[in-house]
Amino acid sequence: MSAISKEACPTETALDLIGGKWKGMILFYLCSDTQRFSELMRLIPDITQRMLTKQLRDLEASGIVYREVYPQVPPKVEYSLTGLGKTLEPVIRELEKWGKGYLQAL
């Protein structure tokens, strides 16, 4: 993720943080519930393990996603939205609604 300045366009900032092919889908599934890495892999079958890891790290670095590692064997890692990330839920739901309308209009 690039450094964001306070003078940046707010819309561009939001799209930079959550835009791209995979982040929207990841956030969509995290809006519903906490997810394990393997569950996200199952829910998003076209994403590679490497790309999912990168996108989750980006979202975590942005303060949108929280990663919890449980000290057990085998390791258990869960991802959830932070307080800041939860503020994105209405945005994600509206994007879902808009996308459905768009697809119907095609």
PDB file of N, CA and C in Angstrom:
ATOM      1  N   MET A   1       0.837  -1.164   0.000  1.00  0.00           N
ATOM      2  CA  MET A   1       0.000   0.000   0.000  1.00  0.00           C
ATOM      3  C   MET A   1       0.887   1.233   0.000  1.00  0.00           C
ATOM      4  N   SER A   2       0.490   2.224  -0.761  1.00  0.00           N
ATOM      5  CA  SER A   2       1.260   3.445  -0.832  1.00  0.00           C
ATOM      6  C   SER A   2       0.933   4.344   0.347  1.00  0.00           C
ATOM      7  N   ALA A   3       1.850   5.263   0.636  1.00  0.00           N
ATOM      8  CA  ALA A   3       1.610   6.231   1.699  1.00  0.00           C
ATOM      9  C   ALA A   3       0.483   7.158   1.267  1.00  0.00           C
ATOM     10  N   ILE A   4      -0.376   7.491   2.215  1.00  0.00           N
ATOM     11  CA  ILE A   4      -1.517   8.345   1.916  1.00  0.00           C
ATOM     12  C   ILE A   4      -1.329   9.663   2.647  1.00  0.00           C
ATOM     13  N   SER A   5      -1.477  10.761   1.907  1.00  0.00           N
ATOM     14  CA  SER A   5      -1.332  12.071   2.528  1.00  0.00           C
ATOM     15  C   SER A   5      -2.704  12.615   2.901  1.00  0.00           C
ATOM     16  N   LYS A   6      -2.725  13.551   3.843  1.00  0.00           N
ATOM     17  CA  LYS A   6      -3.987  14.156   4.279  1.00  0.00           C
ATOM     18  C   LYS A   6      -4.612  14.998   3.184  1.00  0.00           C
ATOM     19  N   GLU A   7      -3.833  15.377   2.171  1.00  0.00           N
ATOM     20  CA  GLU A   7      -4.341  16.180   1.064  1.00  0.00           C
ATOM     21  C   GLU A   7      -4.935  15.319  -0.054  1.00  0.00           C
ATOM     22  N   ALA A   8      -4.843  14.016   0.080  1.00  0.00           N
ATOM     23  CA  ALA A   8      -5.324  13.114  -0.964  1.00  0.00           C
ATOM     24  C   ALA A   8      -6.838  13.213  -1.108  1.00  0.00           C
ATOM     25  N   CYS A   9      -7.333  12.918  -2.286  1.00  0.00           N
ATOM     26  CA  CYS A   9      -8.767  12.885  -2.543  1.00  0.00           C
ATOM     27  C   CYS A   9      -9.377  11.750  -1.711  1.00  0.00           C
ATOM     28  N   PRO A  10     -10.407  12.037  -0.910  1.00  0.00           N
ATOM     29  CA  PRO A  10     -10.997  10.991  -0.061  1.00  0.00           C
ATOM     30  C   PRO A  10     -11.527   9.790  -0.851  1.00  0.00           C
ATOM     31  N   THR A  11     -12.124  10.037  -1.996  1.00  0.00           N
ATOM     32  CA  THR A  11     -12.646   8.921  -2.801  1.00  0.00           C
ATOM     33  C   THR A  11     -11.502   8.061  -3.317  1.00  0.00           C
ATOM     34  N   GLU A  12     -10.457   8.710  -3.787  1.00  0.00           N
ATOM     35  CA  GLU A  12      -9.295   7.968  -4.272  1.00  0.00           C
ATOM     36  C   GLU A  12      -8.652   7.178  -3.144  1.00  0.00           C
ATOM     37  N   THR A  13      -8.607   7.770  -1.956  1.00  0.00           N
ATOM     38  CA  THR A  13      -8.049   7.082  -0.796  1.00  0.00           C
ATOM     39  C   THR A  13      -8.840   5.817  -0.488  1.00  0.00           C
ATOM     40  N   ALA A  14     -10.182   5.942  -0.460  1.00  0.00           N
ATOM     41  CA  ALA A  14     -11.036   4.782  -0.172  1.00  0.00           C
ATOM     42  C   ALA A  14     -10.845   3.693  -1.213  1.00  0.00           C
ATOM     43  N   LEU A  15     -10.841   4.081  -2.486  1.00  0.00           N
ATOM     44  CA  LEU A  15     -10.676   3.093  -3.545  1.00  0.00           C
ATOM     45  C   LEU A  15      -9.289   2.453  -3.502  1.00  0.00           C
ATOM     46  N   ASP A  16      -8.282   3.225  -3.117  1.00  0.00           N
ATOM     47  CA  ASP A  16      -6.928   2.683  -2.992  1.00  0.00           C
ATOM     48  C   ASP A  16      -6.879   1.621  -1.892  1.00  0.00           C
ATOM     49  N   LEU A  17      -7.599   1.871  -0.796  1.00  0.00           N
ATOM     50  CA  LEU A  17      -7.575   0.949   0.339  1.00  0.00           C
ATOM     51  C   LEU A  17      -8.381  -0.319   0.105  1.00  0.00           C
ATOM     52  N   ILE A  18      -9.524  -0.206  -0.572  1.00  0.00           N
ATOM     53  CA  ILE A  18     -10.406  -1.373  -0.710  1.00  0.00           C
ATOM     54  C   ILE A  18     -10.595  -1.834  -2.145  1.00  0.00           C
ATOM     55  N   GLY A  19      -9.985  -1.141  -3.094  1.00  0.00           N
ATOM     56  CA  GLY A  19     -10.168  -1.477  -4.503  1.00  0.00           C
ATOM     57  C   GLY A  19      -9.345  -2.665  -4.938  1.00  0.00           C
ATOM     58  N   GLY A  20      -9.545  -3.055  -6.162  1.00  0.00           N
ATOM     59  CA  GLY A  20      -8.819  -4.187  -6.723  1.00  0.00           C
ATOM     60  C   GLY A  20      -9.736  -5.382  -6.880  1.00  0.00           C
ATOM     61  N   LYS A  21      -9.203  -6.411  -7.446  1.00  0.00           N
ATOM     62  CA  LYS A  21      -9.996  -7.596  -7.771  1.00  0.00           C
ATOM     63  C   LYS A  21     -10.458  -8.363  -6.529  1.00  0.00           C
ATOM     64  N   TRP A  22      -9.649  -8.412  -5.477  1.00  0.00           N
ATOM     65  CA  TRP A  22      -9.920  -9.332  -4.377  1.00  0.00           C
ATOM     66  C   TRP A  22     -10.363  -8.675  -3.082  1.00  0.00           C
ATOM     67  N   LYS A  23      -9.930  -7.466  -2.796  1.00  0.00           N
ATOM     68  CA  LYS A  23     -10.222  -6.869  -1.487  1.00  0.00           C
ATOM     69  C   LYS A  23     -11.714  -6.726  -1.233  1.00  0.00           C
ATOM     70  N   GLY A  24     -12.467  -6.361  -2.248  1.00  0.00           N
ATOM     71  CA  GLY A  24     -13.912  -6.234  -2.075  1.00  0.00           C
ATOM     72  C   GLY A  24     -14.554  -7.544  -1.668  1.00  0.00           C
ATOM     73  N   MET A  25     -14.122  -8.630  -2.298  1.00  0.00           N
ATOM     74  CA  MET A  25     -14.672  -9.948  -1.967  1.00  0.00           C
ATOM     75  C   MET A  25     -14.272 -10.367  -0.555  1.00  0.00           C
ATOM     76  N   ILE A  26     -13.032 -10.114  -0.206  1.00  0.00           N
ATOM     77  CA  ILE A  26     -12.557 -10.454   1.143  1.00  0.00           C
ATOM     78  C   ILE A  26     -13.383  -9.688   2.172  1.00  0.00           C
ATOM     79  N   LEU A  27     -13.547  -8.390   1.956  1.00  0.00           N
ATOM     80  CA  LEU A  27     -14.318  -7.569   2.894  1.00  0.00           C
ATOM     81  C   LEU A  27     -15.778  -8.009   2.943  1.00  0.00           C
ATOM     82  N   PHE A  28     -16.331  -8.381   1.805  1.00  0.00           N
ATOM     83  CA  PHE A  28     -17.716  -8.857   1.759  1.00  0.00           C
ATOM     84  C   PHE A  28     -17.890 -10.059   2.692  1.00  0.00           C
ATOM     85  N   TYR A  29     -16.995 -11.019   2.618  1.00  0.00           N
ATOM     86  CA  TYR A  29     -17.109 -12.207   3.456  1.00  0.00           C
ATOM     87  C   TYR A  29     -16.805 -11.914   4.919  1.00  0.00           C
ATOM     88  N   LEU A  30     -15.911 -10.968   5.178  1.00  0.00           N
ATOM     89  CA  LEU A  30     -15.612 -10.616   6.565  1.00  0.00           C
ATOM     90  C   LEU A  30     -16.723  -9.784   7.193  1.00  0.00           C
ATOM     91  N   CYS A  31     -17.549  -9.133   6.377  1.00  0.00           N
ATOM     92  CA  CYS A  31     -18.704  -8.404   6.916  1.00  0.00           C
ATOM     93  C   CYS A  31     -19.682  -9.362   7.575  1.00  0.00           C
ATOM     94  N   SER A  32     -19.761 -10.565   7.058  1.00  0.00           N
ATOM     95  CA  SER A  32     -20.701 -11.553   7.582  1.00  0.00           C
ATOM     96  C   SER A  32     -20.214 -12.186   8.875  1.00  0.00           C
ATOM     97  N   ASP A  33     -18.908 -12.460   8.949  1.00  0.00           N
ATOM     98  CA  ASP A  33     -18.391 -13.180  10.111  1.00  0.00           C
ATOM     99  C   ASP A  33     -16.872 -13.231  10.067  1.00  0.00           C
ATOM    100  N   THR A  34     -16.286 -13.582  11.195  1.00  0.00           N
ATOM    101  CA  THR A  34     -14.857 -13.870  11.267  1.00  0.00           C
ATOM    102  C   THR A  34     -14.603 -15.099  10.406  1.00  0.00           C
ATOM    103  N   GLN A  35     -13.493 -15.087   9.676  1.00  0.00           N
ATOM    104  CA  GLN A  35     -13.191 -16.204   8.769  1.00  0.00           C
ATOM    105  C   GLN A  35     -11.760 -16.687   8.995  1.00  0.00           C
ATOM    106  N   ARG A  36     -11.592 -17.986   8.886  1.00  0.00           N
ATOM    107  CA  ARG A  36     -10.247 -18.560   8.866  1.00  0.00           C
ATOM    108  C   ARG A  36      -9.689 -18.424   7.459  1.00  0.00           C
ATOM    109  N   PHE A  37      -8.369 -18.474   7.346  1.00  0.00           N
ATOM    110  CA  PHE A  37      -7.712 -18.344   6.055  1.00  0.00           C
ATOM    111  C   PHE A  37      -8.236 -19.394   5.083  1.00  0.00           C
ATOM    112  N   SER A  38      -8.323 -20.634   5.539  1.00  0.00           N
ATOM    113  CA  SER A  38      -8.778 -21.725   4.665  1.00  0.00           C
ATOM    114  C   SER A  38     -10.221 -21.512   4.207  1.00  0.00           C
ATOM    115  N   GLU A  39     -11.038 -20.905   5.063  1.00  0.00           N
ATOM    116  CA  GLU A  39     -12.425 -20.634   4.684  1.00  0.00           C
ATOM    117  C   GLU A  39     -12.479 -19.558   3.600  1.00  0.00           C
ATOM    118  N   LEU A  40     -11.645 -18.543   3.724  1.00  0.00           N
ATOM    119  CA  LEU A  40     -11.586 -17.511   2.680  1.00  0.00           C
ATOM    120  C   LEU A  40     -11.115 -18.124   1.359  1.00  0.00           C
ATOM    121  N   MET A  41     -10.164 -19.037   1.422  1.00  0.00           N
ATOM    122  CA  MET A  41      -9.699 -19.726   0.209  1.00  0.00           C
ATOM    123  C   MET A  41     -10.859 -20.493  -0.434  1.00  0.00           C
ATOM    124  N   ARG A  42     -11.689 -21.110   0.377  1.00  0.00           N
ATOM    125  CA  ARG A  42     -12.828 -21.866  -0.139  1.00  0.00           C
ATOM    126  C   ARG A  42     -13.895 -20.936  -0.718  1.00  0.00           C
ATOM    127  N   LEU A  43     -14.128 -19.817  -0.049  1.00  0.00           N
ATOM    128  CA  LEU A  43     -15.154 -18.877  -0.500  1.00  0.00           C
ATOM    129  C   LEU A  43     -14.755 -18.135  -1.773  1.00  0.00           C
ATOM    130  N   ILE A  44     -13.440 -17.969  -1.970  1.00  0.00           N
ATOM    131  CA  ILE A  44     -12.928 -17.251  -3.148  1.00  0.00           C
ATOM    132  C   ILE A  44     -12.024 -18.213  -3.916  1.00  0.00           C
ATOM    133  N   PRO A  45     -12.604 -19.151  -4.636  1.00  0.00           N
ATOM    134  CA  PRO A  45     -11.812 -20.239  -5.232  1.00  0.00           C
ATOM    135  C   PRO A  45     -10.788 -19.807  -6.276  1.00  0.00           C
ATOM    136  N   ASP A  46     -10.971 -18.654  -6.922  1.00  0.00           N
ATOM    137  CA  ASP A  46     -10.027 -18.241  -7.970  1.00  0.00           C
ATOM    138  C   ASP A  46      -8.797 -17.515  -7.444  1.00  0.00           C
ATOM    139  N   ILE A  47      -8.768 -17.192  -6.162  1.00  0.00           N
ATOM    140  CA  ILE A  47      -7.621 -16.475  -5.604  1.00  0.00           C
ATOM    141  C   ILE A  47      -6.531 -17.481  -5.227  1.00  0.00           C
ATOM    142  N   THR A  48      -5.289 -17.077  -5.415  1.00  0.00           N
ATOM    143  CA  THR A  48      -4.180 -17.941  -5.006  1.00  0.00           C
ATOM    144  C   THR A  48      -3.877 -17.686  -3.533  1.00  0.00           C
ATOM    145  N   GLN A  49      -3.233 -18.654  -2.910  1.00  0.00           N
ATOM    146  CA  GLN A  49      -2.852 -18.514  -1.504  1.00  0.00           C
ATOM    147  C   GLN A  49      -1.950 -17.293  -1.323  1.00  0.00           C
ATOM    148  N   ARG A  50      -1.025 -17.115  -2.235  1.00  0.00           N
ATOM    149  CA  ARG A  50      -0.099 -15.984  -2.161  1.00  0.00           C
ATOM    150  C   ARG A  50      -0.839 -14.651  -2.260  1.00  0.00           C
ATOM    151  N   MET A  51      -1.804 -14.552  -3.181  1.00  0.00           N
ATOM    152  CA  MET A  51      -2.547 -13.306  -3.354  1.00  0.00           C
ATOM    153  C   MET A  51      -3.449 -13.032  -2.156  1.00  0.00           C
ATOM    154  N   LEU A  52      -4.099 -14.067  -1.622  1.00  0.00           N
ATOM    155  CA  LEU A  52      -4.934 -13.875  -0.443  1.00  0.00           C
ATOM    156  C   LEU A  52      -4.096 -13.379   0.727  1.00  0.00           C
ATOM    157  N   THR A  53      -2.932 -13.967   0.913  1.00  0.00           N
ATOM    158  CA  THR A  53      -2.031 -13.529   1.975  1.00  0.00           C
ATOM    159  C   THR A  53      -1.658 -12.065   1.796  1.00  0.00           C
ATOM    160  N   LYS A  54      -1.306 -11.675   0.577  1.00  0.00           N
ATOM    161  CA  LYS A  54      -0.918 -10.288   0.300  1.00  0.00           C
ATOM    162  C   LYS A  54      -2.065  -9.323   0.565  1.00  0.00           C
ATOM    163  N   GLN A  55      -3.259  -9.664   0.075  1.00  0.00           N
ATOM    164  CA  GLN A  55      -4.405  -8.777   0.244  1.00  0.00           C
ATOM    165  C   GLN A  55      -4.783  -8.644   1.716  1.00  0.00           C
ATOM    166  N   LEU A  56      -4.747  -9.739   2.461  1.00  0.00           N
ATOM    167  CA  LEU A  56      -5.041  -9.682   3.893  1.00  0.00           C
ATOM    168  C   LEU A  56      -4.003  -8.848   4.636  1.00  0.00           C
ATOM    169  N   ARG A  57      -2.747  -8.983   4.251  1.00  0.00           N
ATOM    170  CA  ARG A  57      -1.688  -8.171   4.886  1.00  0.00           C
ATOM    171  C   ARG A  57      -1.882  -6.694   4.602  1.00  0.00           C
ATOM    172  N   ASP A  58      -2.261  -6.358   3.360  1.00  0.00           N
ATOM    173  CA  ASP A  58      -2.538  -4.963   3.004  1.00  0.00           C
ATOM    174  C   ASP A  58      -3.687  -4.415   3.844  1.00  0.00           C
ATOM    175  N   LEU A  59      -4.765  -5.187   3.948  1.00  0.00           N
ATOM    176  CA  LEU A  59      -5.922  -4.744   4.717  1.00  0.00           C
ATOM    177  C   LEU A  59      -5.600  -4.637   6.205  1.00  0.00           C
ATOM    178  N   GLU A  60      -4.753  -5.525   6.688  1.00  0.00           N
ATOM    179  CA  GLU A  60      -4.320  -5.470   8.083  1.00  0.00           C
ATOM    180  C   GLU A  60      -3.447  -4.230   8.318  1.00  0.00           C
ATOM    181  N   ALA A  61      -2.529  -3.955   7.404  1.00  0.00           N
ATOM    182  CA  ALA A  61      -1.651  -2.782   7.523  1.00  0.00           C
ATOM    183  C   ALA A  61      -2.448  -1.480   7.471  1.00  0.00           C
ATOM    184  N   SER A  62      -3.588  -1.506   6.778  1.00  0.00           N
ATOM    185  CA  SER A  62      -4.454  -0.329   6.675  1.00  0.00           C
ATOM    186  C   SER A  62      -5.335  -0.150   7.908  1.00  0.00           C
ATOM    187  N   GLY A  63      -5.330  -1.133   8.802  1.00  0.00           N
ATOM    188  CA  GLY A  63      -6.152  -1.049   9.994  1.00  0.00           C
ATOM    189  C   GLY A  63      -7.598  -1.453   9.774  1.00  0.00           C
ATOM    190  N   ILE A  64      -7.867  -2.148   8.673  1.00  0.00           N
ATOM    191  CA  ILE A  64      -9.227  -2.544   8.312  1.00  0.00           C
ATOM    192  C   ILE A  64      -9.528  -3.973   8.769  1.00  0.00           C
ATOM    193  N   VAL A  65      -8.508  -4.820   8.759  1.00  0.00           N
ATOM    194  CA  VAL A  65      -8.667  -6.231   9.117  1.00  0.00           C
ATOM    195  C   VAL A  65      -7.767  -6.550  10.308  1.00  0.00           C
ATOM    196  N   TYR A  66      -8.303  -7.369  11.204  1.00  0.00           N
ATOM    197  CA  TYR A  66      -7.554  -7.852  12.364  1.00  0.00           C
ATOM    198  C   TYR A  66      -7.226  -9.318  12.157  1.00  0.00           C
ATOM    199  N   ARG A  67      -5.990  -9.674  12.440  1.00  0.00           N
ATOM    200  CA  ARG A  67      -5.525 -11.057  12.301  1.00  0.00           C
ATOM    201  C   ARG A  67      -5.231 -11.596  13.692  1.00  0.00           C
ATOM    202  N   GLU A  68      -5.887 -12.702  14.037  1.00  0.00           N
ATOM    203  CA  GLU A  68      -5.651 -13.327  15.339  1.00  0.00           C
ATOM    204  C   GLU A  68      -5.074 -14.715  15.137  1.00  0.00           C
ATOM    205  N   VAL A  69      -3.914 -14.937  15.758  1.00  0.00           N
ATOM    206  CA  VAL A  69      -3.230 -16.227  15.675  1.00  0.00           C
ATOM    207  C   VAL A  69      -3.409 -16.931  17.018  1.00  0.00           C
ATOM    208  N   TYR A  70      -3.912 -18.151  16.960  1.00  0.00           N
ATOM    209  CA  TYR A  70      -4.091 -18.948  18.164  1.00  0.00           C
ATOM    210  C   TYR A  70      -2.890 -19.876  18.323  1.00  0.00           C
ATOM    211  N   PRO A  71      -2.286 -19.888  19.514  1.00  0.00           N
ATOM    212  CA  PRO A  71      -1.095 -20.723  19.736  1.00  0.00           C
ATOM    213  C   PRO A  71      -1.471 -22.194  19.928  1.00  0.00           C
ATOM    214  N   GLN A  72      -1.610 -22.886  18.829  1.00  0.00           N
ATOM    215  CA  GLN A  72      -1.935 -24.308  18.862  1.00  0.00           C
ATOM    216  C   GLN A  72      -1.303 -24.977  17.658  1.00  0.00           C
ATOM    217  N   VAL A  73      -1.318 -26.293  17.663  1.00  0.00           N
ATOM    218  CA  VAL A  73      -0.786 -27.064  16.559  1.00  0.00           C
ATOM    219  C   VAL A  73      -1.911 -27.906  15.988  1.00  0.00           C
ATOM    220  N   PRO A  74      -2.217 -27.805  14.701  1.00  0.00           N
ATOM    221  CA  PRO A  74      -1.659 -26.844  13.743  1.00  0.00           C
ATOM    222  C   PRO A  74      -2.143 -25.422  14.063  1.00  0.00           C
ATOM    223  N   PRO A  75      -1.395 -24.418  13.577  1.00  0.00           N
ATOM    224  CA  PRO A  75      -1.756 -23.036  13.877  1.00  0.00           C
ATOM    225  C   PRO A  75      -3.144 -22.692  13.338  1.00  0.00           C
ATOM    226  N   LYS A  76      -3.848 -21.894  14.097  1.00  0.00           N
ATOM    227  CA  LYS A  76      -5.177 -21.431  13.692  1.00  0.00           C
ATOM    228  C   LYS A  76      -5.104 -19.910  13.581  1.00  0.00           C
ATOM    229  N   VAL A  77      -5.497 -19.384  12.424  1.00  0.00           N
ATOM    230  CA  VAL A  77      -5.474 -17.940  12.186  1.00  0.00           C
ATOM    231  C   VAL A  77      -6.865 -17.527  11.730  1.00  0.00           C
ATOM    232  N   GLU A  78      -7.394 -16.487  12.362  1.00  0.00           N
ATOM    233  CA  GLU A  78      -8.697 -15.964  11.994  1.00  0.00           C
ATOM    234  C   GLU A  78      -8.580 -14.493  11.630  1.00  0.00           C
ATOM    235  N   TYR A  79      -9.428 -14.080  10.706  1.00  0.00           N
ATOM    236  CA  TYR A  79      -9.464 -12.695  10.254  1.00  0.00           C
ATOM    237  C   TYR A  79     -10.847 -12.129  10.513  1.00  0.00           C
ATOM    238  N   SER A  80     -10.864 -10.888  10.965  1.00  0.00           N
ATOM    239  CA  SER A  80     -12.124 -10.194  11.212  1.00  0.00           C
ATOM    240  C   SER A  80     -11.920  -8.717  10.909  1.00  0.00           C
ATOM    241  N   LEU A  81     -13.019  -7.990  10.848  1.00  0.00           N
ATOM    242  CA  LEU A  81     -12.930  -6.556  10.627  1.00  0.00           C
ATOM    243  C   LEU A  81     -12.623  -5.855  11.944  1.00  0.00           C
ATOM    244  N   THR A  82     -11.793  -4.837  11.879  1.00  0.00           N
ATOM    245  CA  THR A  82     -11.545  -3.991  13.042  1.00  0.00           C
ATOM    246  C   THR A  82     -12.741  -3.057  13.202  1.00  0.00           C
ATOM    247  N   GLY A  83     -12.721  -2.238  14.228  1.00  0.00           N
ATOM    248  CA  GLY A  83     -13.770  -1.231  14.381  1.00  0.00           C
ATOM    249  C   GLY A  83     -13.851  -0.338  13.161  1.00  0.00           C
ATOM    250  N   LEU A  84     -12.694   0.083  12.663  1.00  0.00           N
ATOM    251  CA  LEU A  84     -12.649   0.902  11.452  1.00  0.00           C
ATOM    252  C   LEU A  84     -13.170   0.114  10.256  1.00  0.00           C
ATOM    253  N   GLY A  85     -12.786  -1.144  10.166  1.00  0.00           N
ATOM    254  CA  GLY A  85     -13.251  -1.991   9.066  1.00  0.00           C
ATOM    255  C   GLY A  85     -14.756  -2.176   9.079  1.00  0.00           C
ATOM    256  N   LYS A  86     -15.342  -2.260  10.268  1.00  0.00           N
ATOM    257  CA  LYS A  86     -16.797  -2.432  10.372  1.00  0.00           C
ATOM    258  C   LYS A  86     -17.551  -1.225   9.833  1.00  0.00           C
ATOM    259  N   THR A  87     -16.914  -0.060   9.821  1.00  0.00           N
ATOM    260  CA  THR A  87     -17.576   1.119   9.258  1.00  0.00           C
ATOM    261  C   THR A  87     -17.723   1.005   7.746  1.00  0.00           C
ATOM    262  N   LEU A  88     -17.000   0.071   7.140  1.00  0.00           N
ATOM    263  CA  LEU A  88     -17.112  -0.167   5.698  1.00  0.00           C
ATOM    264  C   LEU A  88     -18.315  -1.039   5.334  1.00  0.00           C
ATOM    265  N   GLU A  89     -18.899  -1.709   6.307  1.00  0.00           N
ATOM    266  CA  GLU A  89     -19.985  -2.639   5.992  1.00  0.00           C
ATOM    267  C   GLU A  89     -21.123  -1.985   5.212  1.00  0.00           C
ATOM    268  N   PRO A  90     -21.627  -0.804   5.603  1.00  0.00           N
ATOM    269  CA  PRO A  90     -22.703  -0.212   4.791  1.00  0.00           C
ATOM    270  C   PRO A  90     -22.255   0.097   3.360  1.00  0.00           C
ATOM    271  N   VAL A  91     -20.994   0.464   3.199  1.00  0.00           N
ATOM    272  CA  VAL A  91     -20.454   0.751   1.866  1.00  0.00           C
ATOM    273  C   VAL A  91     -20.421  -0.527   1.037  1.00  0.00           C
ATOM    274  N   ILE A  92     -19.935  -1.604   1.626  1.00  0.00           N
ATOM    275  CA  ILE A  92     -19.854  -2.895   0.935  1.00  0.00           C
ATOM    276  C   ILE A  92     -21.258  -3.377   0.564  1.00  0.00           C
ATOM    277  N   ARG A  93     -22.208  -3.242   1.474  1.00  0.00           N
ATOM    278  CA  ARG A  93     -23.584  -3.671   1.206  1.00  0.00           C
ATOM    279  C   ARG A  93     -24.213  -2.832   0.087  1.00  0.00           C
ATOM    280  N   GLU A  94     -23.933  -1.527   0.052  1.00  0.00           N
ATOM    281  CA  GLU A  94     -24.462  -0.672  -1.016  1.00  0.00           C
ATOM    282  C   GLU A  94     -23.814  -1.016  -2.361  1.00  0.00           C
ATOM    283  N   LEU A  95     -22.516  -1.332  -2.343  1.00  0.00           N
ATOM    284  CA  LEU A  95     -21.859  -1.765  -3.576  1.00  0.00           C
ATOM    285  C   LEU A  95     -22.469  -3.065  -4.083  1.00  0.00           C
ATOM    286  N   GLU A  96     -22.791  -3.976  -3.160  1.00  0.00           N
ATOM    287  CA  GLU A  96     -23.446  -5.233  -3.540  1.00  0.00           C
ATOM    288  C   GLU A  96     -24.799  -4.931  -4.193  1.00  0.00           C
ATOM    289  N   LYS A  97     -25.564  -4.071  -3.557  1.00  0.00           N
ATOM    290  CA  LYS A  97     -26.883  -3.695  -4.080  1.00  0.00           C
ATOM    291  C   LYS A  97     -26.764  -3.030  -5.453  1.00  0.00           C
ATOM    292  N   TRP A  98     -25.820  -2.119  -5.595  1.00  0.00           N
ATOM    293  CA  TRP A  98     -25.614  -1.445  -6.869  1.00  0.00           C
ATOM    294  C   TRP A  98     -25.196  -2.440  -7.945  1.00  0.00           C
ATOM    295  N   GLY A  99     -24.292  -3.354  -7.594  1.00  0.00           N
ATOM    296  CA  GLY A  99     -23.828  -4.363  -8.548  1.00  0.00           C
ATOM    297  C   GLY A  99     -24.951  -5.262  -9.028  1.00  0.00           C
ATOM    298  N   LYS A 100     -25.840  -5.662  -8.122  1.00  0.00           N
ATOM    299  CA  LYS A 100     -26.990  -6.479  -8.530  1.00  0.00           C
ATOM    300  C   LYS A 100     -27.869  -5.724  -9.506  1.00  0.00           C
ATOM    301  N   GLY A 101     -28.127  -4.441  -9.215  1.00  0.00           N
ATOM    302  CA  GLY A 101     -28.936  -3.615 -10.112  1.00  0.00           C
ATOM    303  C   GLY A 101     -28.290  -3.445 -11.464  1.00  0.00           C
ATOM    304  N   TYR A 102     -26.986  -3.254 -11.459  1.00  0.00           N
ATOM    305  CA  TYR A 102     -26.239  -3.100 -12.699  1.00  0.00           C
ATOM    306  C   TYR A 102     -26.333  -4.365 -13.563  1.00  0.00           C
ATOM    307  N   LEU A 103     -26.139  -5.500 -12.908  1.00  0.00           N
ATOM    308  CA  LEU A 103     -26.210  -6.770 -13.654  1.00  0.00           C
ATOM    309  C   LEU A 103     -27.601  -7.015 -14.217  1.00  0.00           C
ATOM    310  N   GLN A 104     -28.624  -6.618 -13.500  1.00  0.00           N
ATOM    311  CA  GLN A 104     -29.989  -6.770 -14.004  1.00  0.00           C
ATOM    312  C   GLN A 104     -30.247  -5.829 -15.172  1.00  0.00           C
ATOM    313  N   ALA A 105     -29.617  -4.661 -15.158  1.00  0.00           N
ATOM    314  CA  ALA A 105     -29.814  -3.683 -16.223  1.00  0.00           C
ATOM    315  C   ALA A 105     -29.124  -4.089 -17.518  1.00  0.00           C
ATOM    316  N   LEU A 106     -28.137  -4.966 -17.431  1.00  0.00           N
ATOM    317  CA  LEU A 106     -27.413  -5.392 -18.637  1.00  0.00           C
ATOM    318  C   LEU A 106     -28.306  -6.131 -19.553  1.00  0.00           C
TER     319      LEU A 106
END
